[in-house]
Amino acid sequence: VKLLDFARSELADKEFKLRETDEPMGLISFSGGVALATGGAEANAAS
C-alpha cells in the first residue's frame, strides 16, 4: 500500500508537456488496489 501510494504521488508530480507546443498536458494519475495471494492457482486468480 505504501509503495502504491508513493508511486501514485510521484507520477502525479511529474510534469508532462506536449511536444509540439511545450504546454503542460495536465496531471496524470493512476488508481490501484492491493490484495494478498495466499497460494494456489484459484486463490491467486481471485486475489
All heavy atoms as atom14 arrays in JSON, in Angstrom:
{
  "sequence": "VKLLDFARSELADKEFKLRETDEPMGLISFSGGVALATGGAEANAAS",
  "atom14_mask": [
    [1, 1, 1, 1, 1, 1, 1, 0, 0, 0, 0, 0, 0, 0],
    [1, 1, 1, 1, 1, 1, 1, 1, 1, 0, 0, 0, 0, 0],
    [1, 1, 1, 1, 1, 1, 1, 1, 0, 0, 0, 0, 0, 0],
    [1, 1, 1, 1, 1, 1, 1, 1, 0, 0, 0, 0, 0, 0],
    [1, 1, 1, 1, 1, 1, 1, 1, 0, 0, 0, 0, 0, 0],
    [1, 1, 1, 1, 1, 1, 1, 1, 1, 1, 1, 0, 0, 0],
    [1, 1, 1, 1, 1, 0, 0, 0, 0, 0, 0, 0, 0, 0],
    [1, 1, 1, 1, 1, 1, 1, 1, 1, 1, 1, 0, 0, 0],
    [1, 1, 1, 1, 1, 1, 0, 0, 0, 0, 0, 0, 0, 0],
    [1, 1, 1, 1, 1, 1, 1, 1, 1, 0, 0, 0, 0, 0],
    [1, 1, 1, 1, 1, 1, 1, 1, 0, 0, 0, 0, 0, 0],
    [1, 1, 1, 1, 1, 0, 0, 0, 0, 0, 0, 0, 0, 0],
    [1, 1, 1, 1, 1, 1, 1, 1, 0, 0, 0, 0, 0, 0],
    [1, 1, 1, 1, 1, 1, 1, 1, 1, 0, 0, 0, 0, 0],
    [1, 1, 1, 1, 1, 1, 1, 1, 1, 0, 0, 0, 0, 0],
    [1, 1, 1, 1, 1, 1, 1, 1, 1, 1, 1, 0, 0, 0],
    [1, 1, 1, 1, 1, 1, 1, 1, 1, 0, 0, 0, 0, 0],
    [1, 1, 1, 1, 1, 1, 1, 1, 0, 0, 0, 0, 0, 0],
    [1, 1, 1, 1, 1, 1, 1, 1, 1, 1, 1, 0, 0, 0],
    [1, 1, 1, 1, 1, 1, 1, 1, 1, 0, 0, 0, 0, 0],
    [1, 1, 1, 1, 1, 1, 1, 0, 0, 0, 0, 0, 0, 0],
    [1, 1, 1, 1, 1, 1, 1, 1, 0, 0, 0, 0, 0, 0],
    [1, 1, 1, 1, 1, 1, 1, 1, 1, 0, 0, 0, 0, 0],
    [1, 1, 1, 1, 1, 1, 1, 0, 0, 0, 0, 0, 0, 0],
    [1, 1, 1, 1, 1, 1, 1, 1, 0, 0, 0, 0, 0, 0],
    [1, 1, 1, 1, 0, 0, 0, 0, 0, 0, 0, 0, 0, 0],
    [1, 1, 1, 1, 1, 1, 1, 1, 0, 0, 0, 0, 0, 0],
    [1, 1, 1, 1, 1, 1, 1, 1, 0, 0, 0, 0, 0, 0],
    [1, 1, 1, 1, 1, 1, 0, 0, 0, 0, 0, 0, 0, 0],
    [1, 1, 1, 1, 1, 1, 1, 1, 1, 1, 1, 0, 0, 0],
    [1, 1, 1, 1, 1, 1, 0, 0, 0, 0, 0, 0, 0, 0],
    [1, 1, 1, 1, 0, 0, 0, 0, 0, 0, 0, 0, 0, 0],
    [1, 1, 1, 1, 0, 0, 0, 0, 0, 0, 0, 0, 0, 0],
    [1, 1, 1, 1, 1, 1, 1, 0, 0, 0, 0, 0, 0, 0],
    [1, 1, 1, 1, 1, 0, 0, 0, 0, 0, 0, 0, 0, 0],
    [1, 1, 1, 1, 1, 1, 1, 1, 0, 0, 0, 0, 0, 0],
    [1, 1, 1, 1, 1, 0, 0, 0, 0, 0, 0, 0, 0, 0],
    [1, 1, 1, 1, 1, 1, 1, 0, 0, 0, 0, 0, 0, 0],
    [1, 1, 1, 1, 0, 0, 0, 0, 0, 0, 0, 0, 0, 0],
    [1, 1, 1, 1, 0, 0, 0, 0, 0, 0, 0, 0, 0, 0],
    [1, 1, 1, 1, 1, 0, 0, 0, 0, 0, 0, 0, 0, 0],
    [1, 1, 1, 1, 1, 1, 1, 1, 1, 0, 0, 0, 0, 0],
    [1, 1, 1, 1, 1, 0, 0, 0, 0, 0, 0, 0, 0, 0],
    [1, 1, 1, 1, 1, 1, 1, 1, 0, 0, 0, 0, 0, 0],
    [1, 1, 1, 1, 1, 0, 0, 0, 0, 0, 0, 0, 0, 0],
    [1, 1, 1, 1, 1, 0, 0, 0, 0, 0, 0, 0, 0, 0],
    [1, 1, 1, 1, 1, 1, 0, 0, 0, 0, 0, 0, 0, 0]
  ],
  "atom14_positions": [
    [[0.85, -1.2, 0.0], [0.0, 0.0, 0.0], [0.88, 1.25, 0.0], [0.63, 2.21, -0.74], [-0.96, 0.0, 1.21], [-1.66, 1.33, 1.36], [-1.98, -1.13, 1.07], [0.0, 0.0, 0.0], [0.0, 0.0, 0.0], [0.0, 0.0, 0.0], [0.0, 0.0, 0.0], [0.0, 0.0, 0.0], [0.0, 0.0, 0.0], [0.0, 0.0, 0.0]],
    [[1.94, 1.23, 0.79], [2.85, 2.37, 0.85], [3.53, 2.59, -0.5], [3.63, 3.72, -0.98], [3.9, 2.12, 1.94], [4.82, 3.28, 2.2], [5.75, 2.99, 3.37], [6.67, 4.15, 3.62], [7.57, 3.9, 4.75], [0.0, 0.0, 0.0], [0.0, 0.0, 0.0], [0.0, 0.0, 0.0], [0.0, 0.0, 0.0], [0.0, 0.0, 0.0]],
    [[3.99, 1.51, -1.12], [4.62, 1.61, -2.44], [3.64, 2.19, -3.46], [3.98, 3.09, -4.24], [5.1, 0.23, -2.9], [5.85, 0.15, -4.21], [6.8, -1.05, -4.19], [4.95, 0.05, -5.4], [0.0, 0.0, 0.0], [0.0, 0.0, 0.0], [0.0, 0.0, 0.0], [0.0, 0.0, 0.0], [0.0, 0.0, 0.0], [0.0, 0.0, 0.0]],
    [[2.42, 1.68, -3.46], [1.39, 2.15, -4.4], [1.13, 3.64, -4.2], [1.09, 4.41, -5.17], [0.1, 1.35, -4.21], [-1.09, 1.75, -5.06], [-0.79, 1.57, -6.54], [-2.32, 0.94, -4.67], [0.0, 0.0, 0.0], [0.0, 0.0, 0.0], [0.0, 0.0, 0.0], [0.0, 0.0, 0.0], [0.0, 0.0, 0.0], [0.0, 0.0, 0.0]],
    [[0.98, 4.06, -2.97], [0.69, 5.46, -2.7], [1.86, 6.35, -3.09], [1.67, 7.42, -3.67], [0.34, 5.64, -1.22], [-0.23, 7.02, -0.95], [-1.16, 7.43, -1.69], [0.25, 7.68, -0.01], [0.0, 0.0, 0.0], [0.0, 0.0, 0.0], [0.0, 0.0, 0.0], [0.0, 0.0, 0.0], [0.0, 0.0, 0.0], [0.0, 0.0, 0.0]],
    [[3.08, 5.91, -2.78], [4.26, 6.7, -3.12], [4.41, 6.83, -4.63], [4.68, 7.91, -5.16], [5.5, 6.06, -2.49], [6.72, 6.92, -2.6], [6.84, 8.08, -1.85], [7.76, 6.56, -3.44], [7.97, 8.89, -1.95], [8.89, 7.36, -3.54], [9.0, 8.52, -2.8], [0.0, 0.0, 0.0], [0.0, 0.0, 0.0], [0.0, 0.0, 0.0]],
    [[4.24, 5.72, -5.36], [4.35, 5.75, -6.82], [3.25, 6.62, -7.43], [3.51, 7.39, -8.37], [4.28, 4.32, -7.38], [0.0, 0.0, 0.0], [0.0, 0.0, 0.0], [0.0, 0.0, 0.0], [0.0, 0.0, 0.0], [0.0, 0.0, 0.0], [0.0, 0.0, 0.0], [0.0, 0.0, 0.0], [0.0, 0.0, 0.0], [0.0, 0.0, 0.0]],
    [[2.05, 6.52, -6.9], [0.93, 7.34, -7.4], [1.24, 8.82, -7.2], [1.06, 9.64, -8.11], [-0.36, 6.96, -6.67], [-1.61, 7.63, -7.18], [-2.83, 7.24, -6.37], [-2.66, 7.32, -4.93], [-2.62, 8.47, -4.24], [-2.72, 9.62, -4.86], [-2.47, 8.46, -2.93], [0.0, 0.0, 0.0], [0.0, 0.0, 0.0], [0.0, 0.0, 0.0]],
    [[1.76, 9.18, -6.04], [2.11, 10.56, -5.74], [3.24, 11.06, -6.64], [3.2, 12.18, -7.15], [2.51, 10.66, -4.27], [2.98, 11.95, -3.98], [0.0, 0.0, 0.0], [0.0, 0.0, 0.0], [0.0, 0.0, 0.0], [0.0, 0.0, 0.0], [0.0, 0.0, 0.0], [0.0, 0.0, 0.0], [0.0, 0.0, 0.0], [0.0, 0.0, 0.0]],
    [[4.24, 10.21, -6.84], [5.37, 10.6, -7.68], [4.94, 10.83, -9.13], [5.38, 11.78, -9.78], [6.46, 9.54, -7.62], [7.74, 9.97, -8.29], [8.88, 9.0, -8.04], [8.96, 8.42, -6.96], [9.7, 8.85, -8.96], [0.0, 0.0, 0.0], [0.0, 0.0, 0.0], [0.0, 0.0, 0.0], [0.0, 0.0, 0.0], [0.0, 0.0, 0.0]],
    [[4.08, 9.97, -9.65], [3.61, 10.15, -11.02], [2.78, 11.42, -11.13], [2.89, 12.16, -12.11], [2.79, 8.94, -11.49], [2.35, 8.98, -12.94], [3.55, 8.95, -13.88], [1.41, 7.82, -13.25], [0.0, 0.0, 0.0], [0.0, 0.0, 0.0], [0.0, 0.0, 0.0], [0.0, 0.0, 0.0], [0.0, 0.0, 0.0], [0.0, 0.0, 0.0]],
    [[1.96, 11.7, -10.14], [1.14, 12.91, -10.15], [2.0, 14.17, -10.14], [1.58, 15.21, -10.66], [0.18, 12.92, -8.96], [0.0, 0.0, 0.0], [0.0, 0.0, 0.0], [0.0, 0.0, 0.0], [0.0, 0.0, 0.0], [0.0, 0.0, 0.0], [0.0, 0.0, 0.0], [0.0, 0.0, 0.0], [0.0, 0.0, 0.0], [0.0, 0.0, 0.0]],
    [[3.2, 14.08, -9.57], [4.1, 15.24, -9.51], [4.89, 15.45, -10.8], [5.51, 16.49, -10.98], [5.09, 15.1, -8.35], [4.41, 15.28, -6.99], [3.29, 15.82, -6.96], [5.01, 14.87, -5.98], [0.0, 0.0, 0.0], [0.0, 0.0, 0.0], [0.0, 0.0, 0.0], [0.0, 0.0, 0.0], [0.0, 0.0, 0.0], [0.0, 0.0, 0.0]],
    [[4.89, 14.47, -11.69], [5.62, 14.61, -12.94], [4.89, 15.61, -13.85], [3.68, 15.61, -13.92], [5.74, 13.28, -13.67], [6.81, 12.37, -13.11], [7.08, 11.25, -14.07], [8.25, 10.43, -13.65], [9.51, 11.13, -13.64], [0.0, 0.0, 0.0], [0.0, 0.0, 0.0], [0.0, 0.0, 0.0], [0.0, 0.0, 0.0], [0.0, 0.0, 0.0]],
    [[5.67, 16.42, -14.52], [5.08, 17.4, -15.43], [5.25, 16.89, -16.86], [6.36, 16.73, -17.35], [5.78, 18.75, -15.28], [5.11, 19.84, -16.08], [5.72, 21.2, -15.8], [6.12, 21.45, -14.65], [5.8, 21.99, -16.74], [0.0, 0.0, 0.0], [0.0, 0.0, 0.0], [0.0, 0.0, 0.0], [0.0, 0.0, 0.0], [0.0, 0.0, 0.0]],
    [[4.13, 16.62, -17.49], [4.14, 16.17, -18.87], [3.8, 17.36, -19.76], [2.85, 18.08, -19.49], [3.11, 15.05, -19.1], [3.51, 13.77, -18.44], [3.07, 13.47, -17.16], [4.32, 12.86, -19.09], [3.44, 12.29, -16.54], [4.69, 11.67, -18.48], [4.25, 11.4, -17.21], [0.0, 0.0, 0.0], [0.0, 0.0, 0.0], [0.0, 0.0, 0.0]],
    [[4.6, 17.53, -20.79], [4.36, 18.63, -21.72], [4.13, 18.07, -23.11], [4.69, 17.04, -23.49], [5.55, 19.58, -21.74], [5.74, 20.31, -20.43], [6.84, 21.32, -20.53], [6.94, 22.09, -19.22], [7.95, 23.13, -19.3], [0.0, 0.0, 0.0], [0.0, 0.0, 0.0], [0.0, 0.0, 0.0], [0.0, 0.0, 0.0], [0.0, 0.0, 0.0]],
    [[3.3, 18.78, -23.85], [3.06, 18.4, -25.24], [4.29, 18.76, -26.06], [4.85, 19.85, -25.93], [1.82, 19.12, -25.78], [0.53, 18.77, -25.04], [-0.62, 19.62, -25.55], [0.21, 17.3, -25.21], [0.0, 0.0, 0.0], [0.0, 0.0, 0.0], [0.0, 0.0, 0.0], [0.0, 0.0, 0.0], [0.0, 0.0, 0.0], [0.0, 0.0, 0.0]],
    [[4.71, 17.85, -26.9], [5.93, 18.06, -27.68], [5.83, 19.22, -28.65], [6.76, 19.98, -28.82], [6.3, 16.79, -28.44], [6.71, 15.68, -27.52], [7.06, 14.46, -28.29], [6.96, 13.33, -27.37], [7.33, 12.13, -27.65], [7.84, 11.85, -28.81], [7.2, 11.17, -26.76], [0.0, 0.0, 0.0], [0.0, 0.0, 0.0], [0.0, 0.0, 0.0]],
    [[4.67, 19.34, -29.29], [4.52, 20.37, -30.33], [4.56, 21.78, -29.75], [5.15, 22.68, -30.31], [3.22, 20.25, -31.11], [2.61, 18.94, -31.46], [2.08, 18.09, -30.32], [1.07, 18.44, -29.66], [2.67, 17.03, -30.11], [0.0, 0.0, 0.0], [0.0, 0.0, 0.0], [0.0, 0.0, 0.0], [0.0, 0.0, 0.0], [0.0, 0.0, 0.0]],
    [[3.89, 21.97, -28.62], [3.73, 23.32, -28.08], [4.48, 23.54, -26.77], [4.57, 24.67, -26.31], [2.24, 23.6, -27.82], [1.76, 22.67, -26.85], [1.43, 23.51, -29.1], [0.0, 0.0, 0.0], [0.0, 0.0, 0.0], [0.0, 0.0, 0.0], [0.0, 0.0, 0.0], [0.0, 0.0, 0.0], [0.0, 0.0, 0.0], [0.0, 0.0, 0.0]],
    [[4.98, 22.5, -26.18], [5.66, 22.55, -24.89], [4.72, 23.02, -23.77], [5.16, 23.46, -22.72], [6.91, 23.44, -24.96], [7.96, 23.02, -23.94], [8.06, 21.8, -23.66], [8.64, 23.91, -23.4], [0.0, 0.0, 0.0], [0.0, 0.0, 0.0], [0.0, 0.0, 0.0], [0.0, 0.0, 0.0], [0.0, 0.0, 0.0], [0.0, 0.0, 0.0]],
    [[3.41, 22.94, -24.02], [2.43, 23.31, -23.0], [2.23, 22.15, -22.03], [2.33, 20.98, -22.42], [1.08, 23.62, -23.66], [1.09, 24.86, -24.52], [-0.27, 25.08, -25.2], [-1.29, 24.72, -24.59], [-0.26, 25.6, -26.31], [0.0, 0.0, 0.0], [0.0, 0.0, 0.0], [0.0, 0.0, 0.0], [0.0, 0.0, 0.0], [0.0, 0.0, 0.0]],
    [[1.93, 22.46, -20.77], [1.65, 21.37, -19.82], [0.43, 20.57, -20.26], [-0.55, 21.12, -20.75], [1.37, 22.1, -18.51], [1.91, 23.47, -18.68], [1.88, 23.77, -20.15], [0.0, 0.0, 0.0], [0.0, 0.0, 0.0], [0.0, 0.0, 0.0], [0.0, 0.0, 0.0], [0.0, 0.0, 0.0], [0.0, 0.0, 0.0], [0.0, 0.0, 0.0]],
    [[0.52, 19.27, -20.12], [-0.57, 18.4, -20.54], [-1.6, 18.24, -19.43], [-2.75, 17.93, -19.69], [-0.01, 17.03, -20.92], [-1.03, 16.14, -21.58], [-0.31, 14.61, -22.1], [-0.34, 13.71, -20.59], [0.0, 0.0, 0.0], [0.0, 0.0, 0.0], [0.0, 0.0, 0.0], [0.0, 0.0, 0.0], [0.0, 0.0, 0.0], [0.0, 0.0, 0.0]],
    [[-1.22, 18.43, -18.22], [-2.13, 18.2, -17.12], [-1.66, 17.05, -16.26], [-0.67, 16.38, -16.56], [0.0, 0.0, 0.0], [0.0, 0.0, 0.0], [0.0, 0.0, 0.0], [0.0, 0.0, 0.0], [0.0, 0.0, 0.0], [0.0, 0.0, 0.0], [0.0, 0.0, 0.0], [0.0, 0.0, 0.0], [0.0, 0.0, 0.0], [0.0, 0.0, 0.0]],
    [[-2.36, 16.82, -15.19], [-1.95, 15.79, -14.24], [-2.23, 14.4, -14.78], [-3.23, 14.15, -15.44], [-2.69, 15.98, -12.92], [-2.38, 17.24, -12.14], [-3.25, 17.31, -10.89], [-0.91, 17.3, -11.77], [0.0, 0.0, 0.0], [0.0, 0.0, 0.0], [0.0, 0.0, 0.0], [0.0, 0.0, 0.0], [0.0, 0.0, 0.0], [0.0, 0.0, 0.0]],
    [[-1.33, 13.5, -14.44], [-1.51, 12.08, -14.75], [-1.69, 11.37, -13.42], [-0.94, 11.59, -12.47], [-0.26, 11.51, -15.47], [0.05, 12.3, -16.74], [-0.44, 10.02, -15.75], [-1.02, 12.24, -17.78], [0.0, 0.0, 0.0], [0.0, 0.0, 0.0], [0.0, 0.0, 0.0], [0.0, 0.0, 0.0], [0.0, 0.0, 0.0], [0.0, 0.0, 0.0]],
    [[-2.69, 10.53, -13.35], [-2.92, 9.8, -12.11], [-3.22, 8.34, -12.44], [-3.55, 8.0, -13.57], [-4.1, 10.42, -11.33], [-5.29, 10.32, -12.08], [0.0, 0.0, 0.0], [0.0, 0.0, 0.0], [0.0, 0.0, 0.0], [0.0, 0.0, 0.0], [0.0, 0.0, 0.0], [0.0, 0.0, 0.0], [0.0, 0.0, 0.0], [0.0, 0.0, 0.0]],
    [[-3.06, 7.51, -11.43], [-3.49, 6.13, -11.59], [-4.15, 5.65, -10.31], [-3.93, 6.19, -9.24], [-2.37, 5.2, -12.05], [-1.24, 4.98, -11.08], [-1.34, 4.06, -10.05], [-0.04, 5.65, -11.24], [-0.3, 3.83, -9.19], [1.02, 5.42, -10.4], [0.89, 4.5, -9.36], [0.0, 0.0, 0.0], [0.0, 0.0, 0.0], [0.0, 0.0, 0.0]],
    [[-4.99, 4.67, -10.49], [-5.71, 4.06, -9.38], [-5.19, 2.65, -9.22], [-4.74, 2.03, -10.18], [-7.2, 4.0, -9.67], [-7.69, 5.3, -9.94], [0.0, 0.0, 0.0], [0.0, 0.0, 0.0], [0.0, 0.0, 0.0], [0.0, 0.0, 0.0], [0.0, 0.0, 0.0], [0.0, 0.0, 0.0], [0.0, 0.0, 0.0], [0.0, 0.0, 0.0]],
    [[-5.25, 2.15, -8.0], [-4.74, 0.8, -7.8], [-5.34, 0.14, -6.58], [-6.0, 0.78, -5.77], [0.0, 0.0, 0.0], [0.0, 0.0, 0.0], [0.0, 0.0, 0.0], [0.0, 0.0, 0.0], [0.0, 0.0, 0.0], [0.0, 0.0, 0.0], [0.0, 0.0, 0.0], [0.0, 0.0, 0.0], [0.0, 0.0, 0.0], [0.0, 0.0, 0.0]],
    [[-5.08, -1.14, -6.49], [-5.53, -1.92, -5.36], [-4.48, -2.92, -4.95], [-3.6, -3.27, -5.75], [0.0, 0.0, 0.0], [0.0, 0.0, 0.0], [0.0, 0.0, 0.0], [0.0, 0.0, 0.0], [0.0, 0.0, 0.0], [0.0, 0.0, 0.0], [0.0, 0.0, 0.0], [0.0, 0.0, 0.0], [0.0, 0.0, 0.0], [0.0, 0.0, 0.0]],
    [[-4.58, -3.39, -3.73], [-3.64, -4.35, -3.18], [-4.43, -5.53, -2.63], [-5.49, -5.35, -2.02], [-2.8, -3.72, -2.04], [-1.92, -4.76, -1.37], [-1.98, -2.56, -2.55], [0.0, 0.0, 0.0], [0.0, 0.0, 0.0], [0.0, 0.0, 0.0], [0.0, 0.0, 0.0], [0.0, 0.0, 0.0], [0.0, 0.0, 0.0], [0.0, 0.0, 0.0]],
    [[-3.92, -6.72, -2.86], [-4.53, -7.93, -2.29], [-3.42, -8.91, -1.96], [-2.32, -8.82, -2.5], [-5.51, -8.56, -3.28], [0.0, 0.0, 0.0], [0.0, 0.0, 0.0], [0.0, 0.0, 0.0], [0.0, 0.0, 0.0], [0.0, 0.0, 0.0], [0.0, 0.0, 0.0], [0.0, 0.0, 0.0], [0.0, 0.0, 0.0], [0.0, 0.0, 0.0]],
    [[-3.71, -9.84, -1.08], [-2.77, -10.9, -0.76], [-3.19, -12.17, -1.48], [-4.36, -12.56, -1.43], [-2.72, -11.16, 0.75], [-2.08, -10.07, 1.6], [-2.11, -10.48, 3.07], [-0.67, -9.77, 1.15], [0.0, 0.0, 0.0], [0.0, 0.0, 0.0], [0.0, 0.0, 0.0], [0.0, 0.0, 0.0], [0.0, 0.0, 0.0], [0.0, 0.0, 0.0]],
    [[-2.24, -12.78, -2.17], [-2.46, -14.07, -2.83], [-1.88, -15.13, -1.9], [-0.7, -15.11, -1.6], [-1.78, -14.1, -4.19], [0.0, 0.0, 0.0], [0.0, 0.0, 0.0], [0.0, 0.0, 0.0], [0.0, 0.0, 0.0], [0.0, 0.0, 0.0], [0.0, 0.0, 0.0], [0.0, 0.0, 0.0], [0.0, 0.0, 0.0], [0.0, 0.0, 0.0]],
    [[-2.73, -16.01, -1.43], [-2.31, -16.96, -0.4], [-1.84, -18.29, -0.94], [-1.49, -19.18, -0.19], [-3.46, -17.19, 0.59], [-4.6, -17.64, -0.14], [-3.78, -15.94, 1.35], [0.0, 0.0, 0.0], [0.0, 0.0, 0.0], [0.0, 0.0, 0.0], [0.0, 0.0, 0.0], [0.0, 0.0, 0.0], [0.0, 0.0, 0.0], [0.0, 0.0, 0.0]],
    [[-1.82, -18.45, -2.25], [-1.28, -19.68, -2.83], [-2.33, -20.48, -3.56], [-3.5, -20.45, -3.24], [0.0, 0.0, 0.0], [0.0, 0.0, 0.0], [0.0, 0.0, 0.0], [0.0, 0.0, 0.0], [0.0, 0.0, 0.0], [0.0, 0.0, 0.0], [0.0, 0.0, 0.0], [0.0, 0.0, 0.0], [0.0, 0.0, 0.0], [0.0, 0.0, 0.0]],
    [[-1.87, -21.18, -4.57], [-2.75, -21.98, -5.4], [-3.32, -21.14, -6.52], [-3.56, -19.94, -6.36], [0.0, 0.0, 0.0], [0.0, 0.0, 0.0], [0.0, 0.0, 0.0], [0.0, 0.0, 0.0], [0.0, 0.0, 0.0], [0.0, 0.0, 0.0], [0.0, 0.0, 0.0], [0.0, 0.0, 0.0], [0.0, 0.0, 0.0], [0.0, 0.0, 0.0]],
    [[-3.5, -21.75, -7.67], [-3.92, -21.02, -8.87], [-5.26, -20.3, -8.68], [-5.4, -19.14, -9.07], [-4.0, -21.98, -10.06], [0.0, 0.0, 0.0], [0.0, 0.0, 0.0], [0.0, 0.0, 0.0], [0.0, 0.0, 0.0], [0.0, 0.0, 0.0], [0.0, 0.0, 0.0], [0.0, 0.0, 0.0], [0.0, 0.0, 0.0], [0.0, 0.0, 0.0]],
    [[-6.25, -20.98, -8.07], [-7.56, -20.36, -7.9], [-7.51, -19.19, -6.93], [-8.09, -18.12, -7.17], [-8.58, -21.39, -7.42], [-8.98, -22.37, -8.51], [-10.02, -23.38, -8.03], [-10.85, -23.01, -7.16], [-10.0, -24.52, -8.52], [0.0, 0.0, 0.0], [0.0, 0.0, 0.0], [0.0, 0.0, 0.0], [0.0, 0.0, 0.0], [0.0, 0.0, 0.0]],
    [[-6.79, -19.36, -5.83], [-6.66, -18.27, -4.84], [-5.9, -17.1, -5.44], [-6.25, -15.94, -5.21], [-5.96, -18.79, -3.58], [0.0, 0.0, 0.0], [0.0, 0.0, 0.0], [0.0, 0.0, 0.0], [0.0, 0.0, 0.0], [0.0, 0.0, 0.0], [0.0, 0.0, 0.0], [0.0, 0.0, 0.0], [0.0, 0.0, 0.0], [0.0, 0.0, 0.0]],
    [[-4.85, -17.38, -6.2], [-4.09, -16.3, -6.83], [-4.94, -15.55, -7.85], [-4.89, -14.32, -7.91], [-2.82, -16.84, -7.48], [-1.8, -17.29, -6.46], [-1.88, -16.95, -5.28], [-0.82, -18.06, -6.91], [0.0, 0.0, 0.0], [0.0, 0.0, 0.0], [0.0, 0.0, 0.0], [0.0, 0.0, 0.0], [0.0, 0.0, 0.0], [0.0, 0.0, 0.0]],
    [[-5.74, -16.26, -8.64], [-6.61, -15.61, -9.61], [-7.64, -14.73, -8.9], [-7.93, -13.61, -9.33], [-7.3, -16.65, -10.48], [0.0, 0.0, 0.0], [0.0, 0.0, 0.0], [0.0, 0.0, 0.0], [0.0, 0.0, 0.0], [0.0, 0.0, 0.0], [0.0, 0.0, 0.0], [0.0, 0.0, 0.0], [0.0, 0.0, 0.0], [0.0, 0.0, 0.0]],
    [[-8.18, -15.23, -7.8], [-9.15, -14.42, -7.03], [-8.48, -13.18, -6.46], [-9.07, -12.1, -6.45], [-9.74, -15.27, -5.9], [0.0, 0.0, 0.0], [0.0, 0.0, 0.0], [0.0, 0.0, 0.0], [0.0, 0.0, 0.0], [0.0, 0.0, 0.0], [0.0, 0.0, 0.0], [0.0, 0.0, 0.0], [0.0, 0.0, 0.0], [0.0, 0.0, 0.0]],
    [[-7.24, -13.31, -6.0], [-6.52, -12.16, -5.47], [-6.23, -11.12, -6.55], [-6.31, -9.93, -6.29], [-5.21, -12.62, -4.83], [-5.48, -13.44, -3.73], [0.0, 0.0, 0.0], [0.0, 0.0, 0.0], [0.0, 0.0, 0.0], [0.0, 0.0, 0.0], [0.0, 0.0, 0.0], [0.0, 0.0, 0.0], [0.0, 0.0, 0.0], [0.0, 0.0, 0.0]]
  ]
}
